[in-house]
């Protein structure tokens, strides 16, 4: 199995994601620069990591969404390759039109960095199958623009079609309907604000994020 982690100017969780994947799966990880026009051949998972791509100028993720590599990421997603966007990566996926909605400034207008308890709303996706009957997970957030927003019709569709994957038990940023993570209609693109890469072993306070990486790579 092979995973690719995209590195943008300002990414700061790229190595965290690579370490998490290599620690909890047998996948080989390649780092891909945002200016590259292609992804590694035979990649099973593409990760857009957290951080502050392009310094969060204009809008979080807006400039990164125009990076050359994103054409290859979109093409891979269209062919069914799994794509995971964490924190800034979620913002990039929304700005690139690969997921609906947008991430706004947190409701309290402050940066929030804390552990968060999550409900696993849909454990039938390729990202969550390893959670099995579990309906809760502990991860962390670290963002200033993690407030998920979409119009009511879009929110109803996401919920009605099982595209809401994670929900906050105690919403830290004001996200609509406590949404913490969503998948696209095809089920192969997941965006989430909590960091599974910061919760993949007990020494970090939780190993619940490991199940996400194990799920998606086991399905490859």
N, C-alpha and C. Protein backbone atom coordinates (compact mmCIF):
# COMPACT_ATOMS: atom_id res chain seq x y z
N UNK A 1 0.84 -1.19 0.00
CA UNK A 1 0.00 0.00 0.00
C UNK A 1 0.87 1.24 0.00
N UNK A 2 0.35 2.32 -0.58
CA UNK A 2 1.14 3.54 -0.70
C UNK A 2 0.26 4.75 -0.39
N UNK A 3 0.79 5.67 0.39
CA UNK A 3 0.10 6.92 0.70
C UNK A 3 0.97 8.09 0.28
N UNK A 4 0.34 9.18 -0.08
CA UNK A 4 1.04 10.41 -0.42
C UNK A 4 0.55 11.53 0.49
N UNK A 5 1.48 12.27 1.06
CA UNK A 5 1.14 13.43 1.88
C UNK A 5 1.61 14.68 1.14
N UNK A 6 0.68 15.57 0.83
CA UNK A 6 1.01 16.78 0.09
C UNK A 6 1.56 17.84 1.05
N UNK A 7 2.66 18.48 0.66
CA UNK A 7 3.28 19.52 1.46
C UNK A 7 3.08 20.87 0.78
N UNK A 8 2.37 21.76 1.43
CA UNK A 8 2.18 23.12 0.95
C UNK A 8 3.10 24.06 1.72
N UNK A 9 3.40 25.25 1.18
CA UNK A 9 4.13 26.23 1.98
C UNK A 9 3.29 26.59 3.21
N UNK A 10 3.79 26.32 4.38
CA UNK A 10 3.03 26.59 5.60
C UNK A 10 2.41 25.36 6.22
N UNK A 11 2.49 24.19 5.55
CA UNK A 11 2.03 22.95 6.19
C UNK A 11 2.89 22.70 7.43
N UNK A 12 2.27 22.25 8.51
CA UNK A 12 3.07 21.90 9.69
C UNK A 12 2.67 20.57 10.32
N UNK A 13 1.76 19.85 9.65
CA UNK A 13 1.36 18.53 10.15
C UNK A 13 1.65 17.44 9.13
N UNK A 14 2.43 17.77 8.10
CA UNK A 14 2.73 16.80 7.06
C UNK A 14 3.52 15.62 7.62
N UNK A 15 4.54 15.91 8.43
CA UNK A 15 5.34 14.83 9.02
C UNK A 15 4.53 14.06 10.06
N UNK A 16 3.66 14.76 10.77
CA UNK A 16 2.78 14.07 11.73
C UNK A 16 1.94 13.02 11.01
N UNK A 17 1.35 13.40 9.86
CA UNK A 17 0.51 12.47 9.11
C UNK A 17 1.33 11.29 8.61
N UNK A 18 2.52 11.57 8.08
CA UNK A 18 3.36 10.50 7.58
C UNK A 18 3.74 9.54 8.70
N UNK A 19 4.11 10.08 9.85
CA UNK A 19 4.50 9.24 10.99
C UNK A 19 3.32 8.39 11.46
N UNK A 20 2.14 9.01 11.53
CA UNK A 20 0.95 8.27 11.96
C UNK A 20 0.67 7.10 11.03
N UNK A 21 0.69 7.35 9.73
CA UNK A 21 0.39 6.29 8.76
C UNK A 21 1.41 5.17 8.84
N UNK A 22 2.69 5.54 8.90
CA UNK A 22 3.74 4.51 8.93
C UNK A 22 3.74 3.73 10.23
N UNK A 23 3.27 4.37 11.32
CA UNK A 23 3.26 3.70 12.62
C UNK A 23 2.14 2.68 12.74
N UNK A 24 0.97 3.00 12.20
CA UNK A 24 -0.21 2.15 12.45
C UNK A 24 -0.62 1.30 11.25
N UNK A 25 0.06 1.46 10.11
CA UNK A 25 -0.23 0.62 8.94
C UNK A 25 1.09 0.17 8.33
N UNK A 26 0.99 -0.66 7.31
CA UNK A 26 2.21 -1.08 6.61
C UNK A 26 2.39 -0.30 5.31
N UNK A 27 1.70 0.82 5.18
CA UNK A 27 1.79 1.62 3.97
C UNK A 27 3.11 2.38 3.90
N UNK A 28 3.59 2.57 2.69
CA UNK A 28 4.77 3.40 2.45
C UNK A 28 4.28 4.81 2.11
N UNK A 29 4.91 5.82 2.70
CA UNK A 29 4.47 7.20 2.53
C UNK A 29 5.48 7.97 1.69
N UNK A 30 4.98 8.72 0.72
CA UNK A 30 5.81 9.62 -0.06
C UNK A 30 5.30 11.04 0.15
N UNK A 31 6.23 11.98 0.35
CA UNK A 31 5.88 13.38 0.48
C UNK A 31 5.84 13.99 -0.92
N UNK A 32 4.80 14.77 -1.20
CA UNK A 32 4.61 15.36 -2.52
C UNK A 32 4.56 16.88 -2.38
N UNK A 33 5.39 17.58 -3.10
CA UNK A 33 5.44 19.04 -3.05
C UNK A 33 4.25 19.64 -3.80
N UNK A 34 3.72 20.73 -3.28
CA UNK A 34 2.50 21.32 -3.86
C UNK A 34 2.69 21.75 -5.31
N UNK A 35 3.93 22.01 -5.72
CA UNK A 35 4.18 22.44 -7.08
C UNK A 35 4.31 21.30 -8.07
N UNK A 36 4.30 20.06 -7.58
CA UNK A 36 4.36 18.91 -8.48
C UNK A 36 3.06 18.79 -9.26
N UNK A 37 3.17 18.25 -10.45
CA UNK A 37 1.97 18.11 -11.28
C UNK A 37 1.39 16.71 -11.26
N UNK A 38 2.11 15.78 -10.61
CA UNK A 38 1.65 14.40 -10.58
C UNK A 38 1.77 13.82 -9.17
N UNK A 39 0.97 12.79 -8.91
CA UNK A 39 1.08 12.02 -7.68
C UNK A 39 1.88 10.76 -7.96
N UNK A 40 2.43 10.12 -6.93
CA UNK A 40 3.13 8.86 -7.15
C UNK A 40 2.21 7.83 -7.78
N UNK A 41 2.76 7.00 -8.63
CA UNK A 41 1.96 5.95 -9.28
C UNK A 41 1.48 4.95 -8.24
N UNK A 42 0.24 4.51 -8.39
CA UNK A 42 -0.30 3.46 -7.53
C UNK A 42 -0.64 3.91 -6.13
N UNK A 43 -0.85 5.19 -5.93
CA UNK A 43 -1.14 5.69 -4.59
C UNK A 43 -2.55 5.26 -4.17
N UNK A 44 -2.68 4.85 -2.89
CA UNK A 44 -3.98 4.41 -2.36
C UNK A 44 -4.67 5.47 -1.52
N UNK A 45 -3.89 6.40 -0.99
CA UNK A 45 -4.43 7.45 -0.12
C UNK A 45 -3.63 8.72 -0.32
N UNK A 46 -4.34 9.83 -0.48
CA UNK A 46 -3.71 11.15 -0.55
C UNK A 46 -4.17 11.95 0.66
N UNK A 47 -3.21 12.53 1.38
CA UNK A 47 -3.53 13.30 2.57
C UNK A 47 -3.15 14.77 2.36
N UNK A 48 -4.10 15.65 2.61
CA UNK A 48 -3.84 17.09 2.67
C UNK A 48 -3.77 17.43 4.15
N UNK A 49 -2.59 17.78 4.66
CA UNK A 49 -2.40 17.89 6.11
C UNK A 49 -2.81 19.24 6.68
N UNK A 50 -2.77 19.32 8.00
CA UNK A 50 -3.05 20.58 8.68
C UNK A 50 -1.88 21.55 8.58
N UNK A 51 -2.14 22.77 9.00
CA UNK A 51 -1.12 23.82 8.95
C UNK A 51 -1.73 25.15 8.56
N UNK A 52 -0.92 25.97 7.93
CA UNK A 52 -1.35 27.32 7.55
C UNK A 52 -0.84 27.59 6.14
N UNK A 53 -1.35 26.83 5.18
CA UNK A 53 -0.86 26.94 3.80
C UNK A 53 -0.94 28.38 3.30
N UNK A 54 0.17 28.82 2.73
CA UNK A 54 0.29 30.18 2.22
C UNK A 54 -0.03 31.22 3.30
N UNK A 55 0.23 30.87 4.56
CA UNK A 55 0.01 31.82 5.65
C UNK A 55 -1.45 32.16 5.89
N UNK A 56 -2.36 31.34 5.35
CA UNK A 56 -3.80 31.60 5.48
C UNK A 56 -4.21 32.93 4.84
N UNK A 57 -3.41 33.41 3.88
CA UNK A 57 -3.77 34.65 3.20
C UNK A 57 -4.99 34.44 2.32
N UNK A 58 -5.71 35.51 2.05
CA UNK A 58 -6.95 35.53 1.28
C UNK A 58 -8.05 34.84 2.07
N UNK A 59 -8.10 33.51 2.04
CA UNK A 59 -8.95 32.69 2.90
C UNK A 59 -8.19 31.41 3.17
N UNK A 60 -8.44 30.80 4.30
CA UNK A 60 -7.73 29.57 4.62
C UNK A 60 -7.97 28.52 3.54
N UNK A 61 -6.91 28.05 2.93
CA UNK A 61 -7.01 27.01 1.92
C UNK A 61 -7.26 27.50 0.51
N UNK A 62 -7.60 28.77 0.34
CA UNK A 62 -7.99 29.27 -0.99
C UNK A 62 -6.83 29.25 -1.97
N UNK A 63 -5.65 29.66 -1.54
CA UNK A 63 -4.50 29.68 -2.43
C UNK A 63 -3.98 28.27 -2.68
N UNK A 64 -3.96 27.45 -1.63
CA UNK A 64 -3.50 26.07 -1.78
C UNK A 64 -4.38 25.30 -2.75
N UNK A 65 -5.67 25.63 -2.78
CA UNK A 65 -6.60 24.94 -3.68
C UNK A 65 -6.24 25.14 -5.15
N UNK A 66 -5.43 26.19 -5.44
CA UNK A 66 -5.02 26.48 -6.81
C UNK A 66 -3.63 25.92 -7.12
N UNK A 67 -3.01 25.22 -6.18
CA UNK A 67 -1.68 24.65 -6.42
C UNK A 67 -1.73 23.62 -7.55
N UNK A 68 -0.64 23.49 -8.32
CA UNK A 68 -0.61 22.54 -9.43
C UNK A 68 -1.00 21.12 -9.03
N UNK A 69 -0.56 20.67 -7.84
CA UNK A 69 -0.82 19.29 -7.45
C UNK A 69 -2.30 19.00 -7.28
N UNK A 70 -3.10 20.05 -7.04
CA UNK A 70 -4.52 19.80 -6.79
C UNK A 70 -5.24 19.27 -8.02
N UNK A 71 -4.74 19.55 -9.20
CA UNK A 71 -5.35 18.96 -10.40
C UNK A 71 -5.19 17.45 -10.37
N UNK A 72 -4.01 17.01 -9.92
CA UNK A 72 -3.77 15.56 -9.82
C UNK A 72 -4.59 14.95 -8.69
N UNK A 73 -4.75 15.69 -7.59
CA UNK A 73 -5.55 15.20 -6.46
C UNK A 73 -7.01 15.03 -6.90
N UNK A 74 -7.54 16.02 -7.60
CA UNK A 74 -8.92 15.92 -8.08
C UNK A 74 -9.08 14.75 -9.04
N UNK A 75 -8.12 14.59 -9.93
CA UNK A 75 -8.18 13.49 -10.89
C UNK A 75 -8.16 12.14 -10.18
N UNK A 76 -7.29 12.01 -9.18
CA UNK A 76 -7.22 10.77 -8.42
C UNK A 76 -8.53 10.49 -7.69
N UNK A 77 -9.12 11.54 -7.10
CA UNK A 77 -10.40 11.38 -6.41
C UNK A 77 -11.48 10.94 -7.37
N UNK A 78 -11.47 11.51 -8.58
CA UNK A 78 -12.47 11.14 -9.58
C UNK A 78 -12.34 9.67 -9.98
N UNK A 79 -11.13 9.11 -9.83
CA UNK A 79 -10.89 7.72 -10.16
C UNK A 79 -11.09 6.79 -8.96
N UNK A 80 -11.54 7.36 -7.82
CA UNK A 80 -11.87 6.55 -6.66
C UNK A 80 -10.79 6.44 -5.60
N UNK A 81 -9.66 7.11 -5.80
CA UNK A 81 -8.60 7.09 -4.79
C UNK A 81 -9.08 7.83 -3.54
N UNK A 82 -8.75 7.33 -2.38
CA UNK A 82 -9.15 7.97 -1.12
C UNK A 82 -8.34 9.24 -0.90
N UNK A 83 -9.03 10.30 -0.50
CA UNK A 83 -8.40 11.58 -0.20
C UNK A 83 -8.87 12.03 1.18
N UNK A 84 -7.92 12.35 2.04
CA UNK A 84 -8.22 12.81 3.40
C UNK A 84 -7.67 14.21 3.59
N UNK A 85 -8.52 15.14 3.99
CA UNK A 85 -8.09 16.50 4.31
C UNK A 85 -8.31 16.75 5.79
N UNK A 86 -7.24 17.06 6.52
CA UNK A 86 -7.32 17.29 7.96
C UNK A 86 -7.08 18.76 8.25
N UNK A 87 -8.01 19.39 8.96
CA UNK A 87 -7.89 20.78 9.39
C UNK A 87 -7.70 21.69 8.18
N UNK A 88 -6.51 22.22 7.96
CA UNK A 88 -6.28 23.05 6.77
C UNK A 88 -6.59 22.26 5.50
N UNK A 89 -6.36 20.95 5.55
CA UNK A 89 -6.69 20.11 4.41
C UNK A 89 -8.19 20.09 4.12
N UNK A 90 -9.01 20.12 5.16
CA UNK A 90 -10.46 20.21 5.01
C UNK A 90 -10.82 21.54 4.35
N UNK A 91 -10.19 22.61 4.80
CA UNK A 91 -10.43 23.92 4.21
C UNK A 91 -10.07 23.92 2.73
N UNK A 92 -8.95 23.27 2.40
CA UNK A 92 -8.51 23.20 1.00
C UNK A 92 -9.52 22.43 0.16
N UNK A 93 -10.02 21.30 0.67
CA UNK A 93 -10.99 20.51 -0.07
C UNK A 93 -12.26 21.31 -0.36
N UNK A 94 -12.70 22.10 0.61
CA UNK A 94 -13.89 22.94 0.40
C UNK A 94 -13.61 24.03 -0.62
N UNK A 95 -12.45 24.68 -0.52
CA UNK A 95 -12.10 25.75 -1.45
C UNK A 95 -11.91 25.20 -2.87
N UNK A 96 -11.48 23.94 -2.98
CA UNK A 96 -11.28 23.33 -4.29
C UNK A 96 -12.58 22.78 -4.88
N UNK A 97 -13.67 22.85 -4.12
CA UNK A 97 -14.95 22.36 -4.60
C UNK A 97 -15.09 20.85 -4.53
N UNK A 98 -14.18 20.20 -3.79
CA UNK A 98 -14.25 18.74 -3.67
C UNK A 98 -15.18 18.31 -2.54
N UNK A 99 -15.51 19.23 -1.66
CA UNK A 99 -16.51 19.02 -0.62
C UNK A 99 -17.36 20.27 -0.54
N UNK A 100 -18.63 20.14 -0.16
CA UNK A 100 -19.50 21.31 -0.06
C UNK A 100 -19.25 22.10 1.22
N UNK A 101 -19.69 23.35 1.22
CA UNK A 101 -19.60 24.17 2.42
C UNK A 101 -18.30 24.93 2.51
N UNK A 102 -18.10 25.56 3.67
CA UNK A 102 -16.91 26.38 3.91
C UNK A 102 -16.58 26.36 5.39
N UNK A 103 -15.33 26.67 5.71
CA UNK A 103 -14.90 26.78 7.10
C UNK A 103 -14.71 28.25 7.43
N UNK A 104 -15.49 28.74 8.40
CA UNK A 104 -15.47 30.15 8.79
C UNK A 104 -14.69 30.34 10.09
N UNK A 105 -14.52 31.62 10.47
CA UNK A 105 -13.89 31.91 11.75
C UNK A 105 -14.68 31.26 12.87
N UNK A 106 -13.97 30.77 13.86
CA UNK A 106 -14.63 30.16 15.01
C UNK A 106 -15.64 31.14 15.62
N UNK A 107 -16.71 30.60 16.15
CA UNK A 107 -17.78 31.43 16.70
C UNK A 107 -17.28 32.38 17.77
N UNK A 108 -16.31 31.95 18.57
CA UNK A 108 -15.77 32.81 19.62
C UNK A 108 -14.65 33.71 19.16
N UNK A 109 -14.31 33.64 17.85
CA UNK A 109 -13.26 34.46 17.24
C UNK A 109 -11.90 34.24 17.90
N UNK A 110 -11.69 33.04 18.43
CA UNK A 110 -10.41 32.71 19.06
C UNK A 110 -9.91 31.38 18.50
N UNK A 111 -8.59 31.25 18.49
CA UNK A 111 -7.97 29.98 18.12
C UNK A 111 -8.28 28.97 19.21
N UNK A 112 -8.71 27.78 18.81
CA UNK A 112 -9.07 26.73 19.77
C UNK A 112 -8.13 25.55 19.59
N UNK A 113 -7.46 25.17 20.68
CA UNK A 113 -6.57 24.01 20.66
C UNK A 113 -6.89 23.17 21.89
N UNK A 114 -7.51 22.01 21.69
CA UNK A 114 -7.95 21.21 22.82
C UNK A 114 -8.33 19.81 22.35
N UNK A 115 -8.44 18.90 23.31
CA UNK A 115 -8.99 17.58 23.01
C UNK A 115 -10.49 17.70 22.81
N UNK A 116 -11.03 16.91 21.90
CA UNK A 116 -12.47 16.95 21.65
C UNK A 116 -13.01 15.53 21.56
N UNK A 117 -14.17 15.34 22.15
CA UNK A 117 -14.88 14.06 22.06
C UNK A 117 -15.78 14.11 20.83
N UNK A 118 -15.76 13.04 20.05
CA UNK A 118 -16.52 12.99 18.81
C UNK A 118 -17.51 11.84 18.81
N UNK A 119 -18.62 12.03 18.14
CA UNK A 119 -19.52 10.93 17.81
C UNK A 119 -19.14 10.41 16.43
N UNK A 120 -18.98 9.10 16.32
CA UNK A 120 -18.77 8.48 15.01
C UNK A 120 -20.16 8.26 14.42
N UNK A 121 -20.58 9.17 13.58
CA UNK A 121 -21.96 9.18 13.08
C UNK A 121 -22.19 8.08 12.05
N UNK A 122 -21.18 7.87 11.21
CA UNK A 122 -21.31 6.85 10.15
C UNK A 122 -20.05 5.98 10.17
N UNK A 123 -20.19 4.76 10.63
CA UNK A 123 -19.05 3.84 10.69
C UNK A 123 -19.04 2.89 9.50
N UNK A 124 -19.82 3.22 8.47
CA UNK A 124 -19.90 2.37 7.29
C UNK A 124 -19.10 2.94 6.11
N UNK A 125 -18.27 3.94 6.36
CA UNK A 125 -17.47 4.50 5.27
C UNK A 125 -16.11 3.81 5.22
N UNK A 126 -15.38 4.01 4.15
CA UNK A 126 -14.06 3.40 4.03
C UNK A 126 -13.05 4.02 5.00
N UNK A 127 -13.41 5.17 5.58
CA UNK A 127 -12.55 5.83 6.56
C UNK A 127 -12.85 5.41 8.00
N UNK A 128 -13.99 4.79 8.22
CA UNK A 128 -14.42 4.54 9.60
C UNK A 128 -14.81 3.09 9.88
N UNK A 129 -14.63 2.19 8.94
CA UNK A 129 -15.08 0.81 9.12
C UNK A 129 -14.44 0.15 10.34
N UNK A 130 -13.19 0.51 10.64
CA UNK A 130 -12.49 -0.13 11.77
C UNK A 130 -13.05 0.29 13.13
N UNK A 131 -13.89 1.33 13.16
CA UNK A 131 -14.52 1.71 14.43
C UNK A 131 -15.60 0.71 14.82
N UNK A 132 -16.09 -0.05 13.86
CA UNK A 132 -17.07 -1.08 14.16
C UNK A 132 -18.29 -0.52 14.87
N UNK A 133 -18.58 -1.08 16.03
CA UNK A 133 -19.75 -0.65 16.79
C UNK A 133 -19.47 0.56 17.68
N UNK A 134 -18.23 1.00 17.70
CA UNK A 134 -17.90 2.18 18.52
C UNK A 134 -18.61 3.40 17.98
N UNK A 135 -19.09 4.23 18.88
CA UNK A 135 -19.79 5.43 18.47
C UNK A 135 -19.15 6.69 19.05
N UNK A 136 -17.92 6.56 19.56
CA UNK A 136 -17.23 7.74 20.08
C UNK A 136 -15.75 7.64 19.78
N UNK A 137 -15.09 8.80 19.75
CA UNK A 137 -13.65 8.86 19.51
C UNK A 137 -13.12 10.15 20.13
N UNK A 138 -11.87 10.10 20.55
CA UNK A 138 -11.21 11.28 21.12
C UNK A 138 -10.06 11.70 20.21
N UNK A 139 -10.08 12.95 19.79
CA UNK A 139 -8.99 13.51 18.99
C UNK A 139 -8.72 14.92 19.49
N UNK A 140 -7.98 15.72 18.72
CA UNK A 140 -7.72 17.09 19.11
C UNK A 140 -8.04 18.02 17.95
N UNK A 141 -8.33 19.28 18.29
CA UNK A 141 -8.46 20.32 17.27
C UNK A 141 -7.43 21.41 17.55
N UNK A 142 -7.09 22.12 16.51
CA UNK A 142 -6.20 23.28 16.64
C UNK A 142 -6.45 24.18 15.46
N UNK A 143 -7.39 25.12 15.60
CA UNK A 143 -7.77 25.96 14.46
C UNK A 143 -8.39 27.27 14.91
N UNK A 144 -8.35 28.23 14.01
CA UNK A 144 -9.05 29.50 14.22
C UNK A 144 -10.23 29.63 13.28
N UNK A 145 -10.25 28.79 12.24
CA UNK A 145 -11.33 28.80 11.25
C UNK A 145 -11.84 27.38 11.06
N UNK A 146 -12.47 26.86 12.10
CA UNK A 146 -12.98 25.50 12.05
C UNK A 146 -14.49 25.42 12.10
N UNK A 147 -15.13 26.54 11.86
CA UNK A 147 -16.58 26.67 11.98
C UNK A 147 -17.24 26.26 10.66
N UNK A 148 -17.67 24.99 10.56
CA UNK A 148 -18.23 24.51 9.30
C UNK A 148 -19.58 25.15 9.02
N UNK A 149 -19.73 25.61 7.78
CA UNK A 149 -20.97 26.27 7.37
C UNK A 149 -21.42 25.74 6.01
N UNK A 150 -22.71 25.53 5.89
CA UNK A 150 -23.34 25.24 4.60
C UNK A 150 -24.80 25.66 4.73
N UNK A 151 -25.46 25.89 3.61
CA UNK A 151 -26.87 26.27 3.67
C UNK A 151 -27.71 25.09 4.15
N UNK A 152 -28.92 25.38 4.58
CA UNK A 152 -29.78 24.37 5.19
C UNK A 152 -30.04 23.18 4.26
N UNK A 153 -30.23 23.46 2.98
CA UNK A 153 -30.51 22.37 2.03
C UNK A 153 -29.31 21.44 1.92
N UNK A 154 -28.11 22.02 1.90
CA UNK A 154 -26.90 21.20 1.82
C UNK A 154 -26.73 20.37 3.08
N UNK A 155 -26.98 20.99 4.23
CA UNK A 155 -26.86 20.26 5.49
C UNK A 155 -27.85 19.11 5.56
N UNK A 156 -29.08 19.36 5.11
CA UNK A 156 -30.08 18.30 5.10
C UNK A 156 -29.65 17.15 4.19
N UNK A 157 -29.07 17.50 3.04
CA UNK A 157 -28.62 16.46 2.11
C UNK A 157 -27.47 15.66 2.71
N UNK A 158 -26.51 16.35 3.32
CA UNK A 158 -25.37 15.65 3.93
C UNK A 158 -25.84 14.66 4.99
N UNK A 159 -26.77 15.10 5.81
CA UNK A 159 -27.27 14.22 6.87
C UNK A 159 -28.14 13.10 6.29
N UNK A 160 -28.97 13.45 5.35
CA UNK A 160 -29.88 12.45 4.79
C UNK A 160 -29.17 11.37 4.00
N UNK A 161 -28.01 11.69 3.42
CA UNK A 161 -27.29 10.73 2.60
C UNK A 161 -26.10 10.11 3.33
N UNK A 162 -26.04 10.31 4.64
CA UNK A 162 -25.00 9.67 5.43
C UNK A 162 -23.61 10.22 5.23
N UNK A 163 -23.52 11.48 4.80
CA UNK A 163 -22.21 12.07 4.53
C UNK A 163 -21.59 12.76 5.74
N UNK A 164 -22.35 12.92 6.81
CA UNK A 164 -21.77 13.41 8.05
C UNK A 164 -21.12 12.21 8.74
N UNK A 165 -19.81 12.28 8.95
CA UNK A 165 -19.07 11.14 9.48
C UNK A 165 -18.74 11.33 10.95
N UNK A 166 -18.32 12.53 11.32
CA UNK A 166 -17.99 12.84 12.71
C UNK A 166 -18.77 14.08 13.16
N UNK A 167 -19.19 14.05 14.43
CA UNK A 167 -19.90 15.18 15.01
C UNK A 167 -19.30 15.47 16.39
N UNK A 168 -19.16 16.74 16.73
CA UNK A 168 -18.65 17.13 18.04
C UNK A 168 -19.67 16.82 19.12
N UNK A 169 -19.21 16.28 20.23
CA UNK A 169 -20.09 16.13 21.39
C UNK A 169 -20.24 17.46 22.14
N UNK A 170 -19.20 18.26 22.12
CA UNK A 170 -19.23 19.60 22.73
C UNK A 170 -18.56 20.54 21.74
N UNK A 171 -19.37 21.14 20.90
CA UNK A 171 -18.91 21.92 19.74
C UNK A 171 -17.95 23.05 20.16
N UNK A 172 -16.68 23.00 19.72
CA UNK A 172 -15.71 24.01 20.16
C UNK A 172 -15.64 25.25 19.29
N UNK A 173 -16.28 25.21 18.11
CA UNK A 173 -16.07 26.32 17.17
C UNK A 173 -17.33 26.85 16.49
N UNK A 174 -18.49 26.31 16.85
CA UNK A 174 -19.73 26.81 16.29
C UNK A 174 -20.19 26.13 15.01
N UNK A 175 -19.56 25.03 14.63
CA UNK A 175 -19.90 24.36 13.38
C UNK A 175 -21.38 24.01 13.30
N UNK A 176 -21.95 24.22 12.12
CA UNK A 176 -23.36 23.91 11.90
C UNK A 176 -23.66 22.47 12.25
N UNK A 177 -24.69 22.27 13.04
CA UNK A 177 -25.16 20.95 13.46
C UNK A 177 -24.03 20.09 14.07
N UNK A 178 -23.06 20.77 14.67
CA UNK A 178 -21.96 20.10 15.38
C UNK A 178 -21.10 19.25 14.45
N UNK A 179 -21.10 19.56 13.16
CA UNK A 179 -20.38 18.74 12.19
C UNK A 179 -18.87 18.92 12.34
N UNK A 180 -18.17 17.77 12.44
CA UNK A 180 -16.71 17.78 12.55
C UNK A 180 -16.03 17.17 11.34
N UNK A 181 -16.76 16.38 10.54
CA UNK A 181 -16.17 15.76 9.37
C UNK A 181 -17.23 15.23 8.43
N UNK A 182 -17.00 15.38 7.12
CA UNK A 182 -17.95 14.94 6.11
C UNK A 182 -17.22 14.22 4.97
N UNK A 183 -17.96 13.37 4.26
CA UNK A 183 -17.44 12.74 3.04
C UNK A 183 -18.22 13.24 1.83
N UNK A 184 -17.60 13.07 0.67
CA UNK A 184 -18.31 13.41 -0.56
C UNK A 184 -19.33 12.33 -0.89
N UNK A 185 -20.10 12.56 -1.93
CA UNK A 185 -21.15 11.62 -2.28
C UNK A 185 -20.63 10.24 -2.64
N UNK A 186 -19.44 10.17 -3.23
CA UNK A 186 -18.85 8.88 -3.60
C UNK A 186 -18.23 8.17 -2.41
N UNK A 187 -18.03 8.87 -1.30
CA UNK A 187 -17.51 8.26 -0.09
C UNK A 187 -16.00 8.10 -0.04
N UNK A 188 -15.28 8.69 -1.00
CA UNK A 188 -13.83 8.51 -1.02
C UNK A 188 -13.04 9.77 -0.68
N UNK A 189 -13.73 10.86 -0.36
CA UNK A 189 -13.07 12.11 0.05
C UNK A 189 -13.62 12.52 1.40
N UNK A 190 -12.75 12.57 2.40
CA UNK A 190 -13.15 12.94 3.76
C UNK A 190 -12.43 14.21 4.17
N UNK A 191 -13.20 15.16 4.68
CA UNK A 191 -12.62 16.36 5.29
C UNK A 191 -13.03 16.42 6.74
N UNK A 192 -12.08 16.71 7.62
CA UNK A 192 -12.39 16.78 9.05
C UNK A 192 -11.47 17.80 9.72
N UNK A 193 -12.01 18.49 10.73
CA UNK A 193 -11.18 19.44 11.46
C UNK A 193 -10.36 18.78 12.56
N UNK A 194 -10.87 17.80 13.30
CA UNK A 194 -10.04 17.13 14.31
C UNK A 194 -8.87 16.39 13.67
N UNK A 195 -7.81 16.22 14.43
CA UNK A 195 -6.57 15.63 13.92
C UNK A 195 -6.42 14.16 14.32
N UNK A 196 -6.65 13.21 13.41
CA UNK A 196 -6.32 11.82 13.73
C UNK A 196 -4.81 11.62 13.84
N UNK A 197 -4.04 12.48 13.17
CA UNK A 197 -2.58 12.39 13.21
C UNK A 197 -2.00 12.82 14.56
N UNK A 198 -2.81 13.39 15.42
CA UNK A 198 -2.38 13.75 16.76
C UNK A 198 -3.02 12.82 17.80
N UNK A 199 -3.58 11.73 17.32
CA UNK A 199 -4.26 10.80 18.23
C UNK A 199 -4.14 9.38 17.70
N UNK A 200 -2.89 8.96 17.42
CA UNK A 200 -2.71 7.63 16.83
C UNK A 200 -2.01 6.65 17.77
N UNK A 201 -1.65 7.08 18.97
CA UNK A 201 -1.08 6.16 19.95
C UNK A 201 -1.37 6.70 21.35
N UNK A 202 -1.40 5.80 22.33
CA UNK A 202 -1.80 6.16 23.68
C UNK A 202 -0.92 7.25 24.30
N UNK A 203 0.35 7.30 23.91
CA UNK A 203 1.25 8.31 24.45
C UNK A 203 0.80 9.73 24.12
N UNK A 204 -0.04 9.86 23.09
CA UNK A 204 -0.57 11.16 22.70
C UNK A 204 -1.88 11.49 23.40
N UNK A 205 -2.34 10.58 24.24
CA UNK A 205 -3.60 10.79 24.95
C UNK A 205 -4.77 10.05 24.36
N UNK A 206 -4.61 9.58 23.13
CA UNK A 206 -5.66 8.79 22.48
C UNK A 206 -5.05 8.09 21.27
N UNK A 207 -5.52 6.88 21.01
CA UNK A 207 -5.11 6.17 19.80
C UNK A 207 -6.28 6.02 18.83
N UNK A 208 -7.35 6.78 19.06
CA UNK A 208 -8.56 6.62 18.25
C UNK A 208 -8.35 7.01 16.79
N UNK A 209 -7.42 7.92 16.53
CA UNK A 209 -7.16 8.32 15.15
C UNK A 209 -6.54 7.21 14.33
N UNK A 210 -5.86 6.27 14.99
CA UNK A 210 -5.24 5.16 14.27
C UNK A 210 -6.27 4.36 13.48
N UNK A 211 -7.47 4.23 14.03
CA UNK A 211 -8.51 3.44 13.38
C UNK A 211 -8.90 4.03 12.04
N UNK A 212 -8.82 5.35 11.93
CA UNK A 212 -9.16 5.99 10.65
C UNK A 212 -8.15 5.61 9.57
N UNK A 213 -6.86 5.74 9.89
CA UNK A 213 -5.84 5.38 8.91
C UNK A 213 -5.89 3.90 8.57
N UNK A 214 -6.12 3.06 9.57
CA UNK A 214 -6.20 1.62 9.34
C UNK A 214 -7.41 1.30 8.46
N UNK A 215 -8.52 1.98 8.70
CA UNK A 215 -9.74 1.75 7.91
C UNK A 215 -9.50 2.02 6.45
N UNK A 216 -9.01 3.21 6.13
CA UNK A 216 -8.93 3.62 4.74
C UNK A 216 -7.88 2.83 3.97
N UNK A 217 -6.79 2.48 4.62
CA UNK A 217 -5.75 1.74 3.90
C UNK A 217 -6.09 0.26 3.79
N UNK A 218 -6.87 -0.26 4.73
CA UNK A 218 -7.32 -1.64 4.63
C UNK A 218 -8.32 -1.81 3.49
N UNK A 219 -8.98 -0.73 3.13
CA UNK A 219 -9.99 -0.80 2.07
C UNK A 219 -9.38 -0.63 0.68
N UNK A 220 -8.08 -0.32 0.64
CA UNK A 220 -7.43 -0.04 -0.65
C UNK A 220 -7.32 -1.32 -1.49
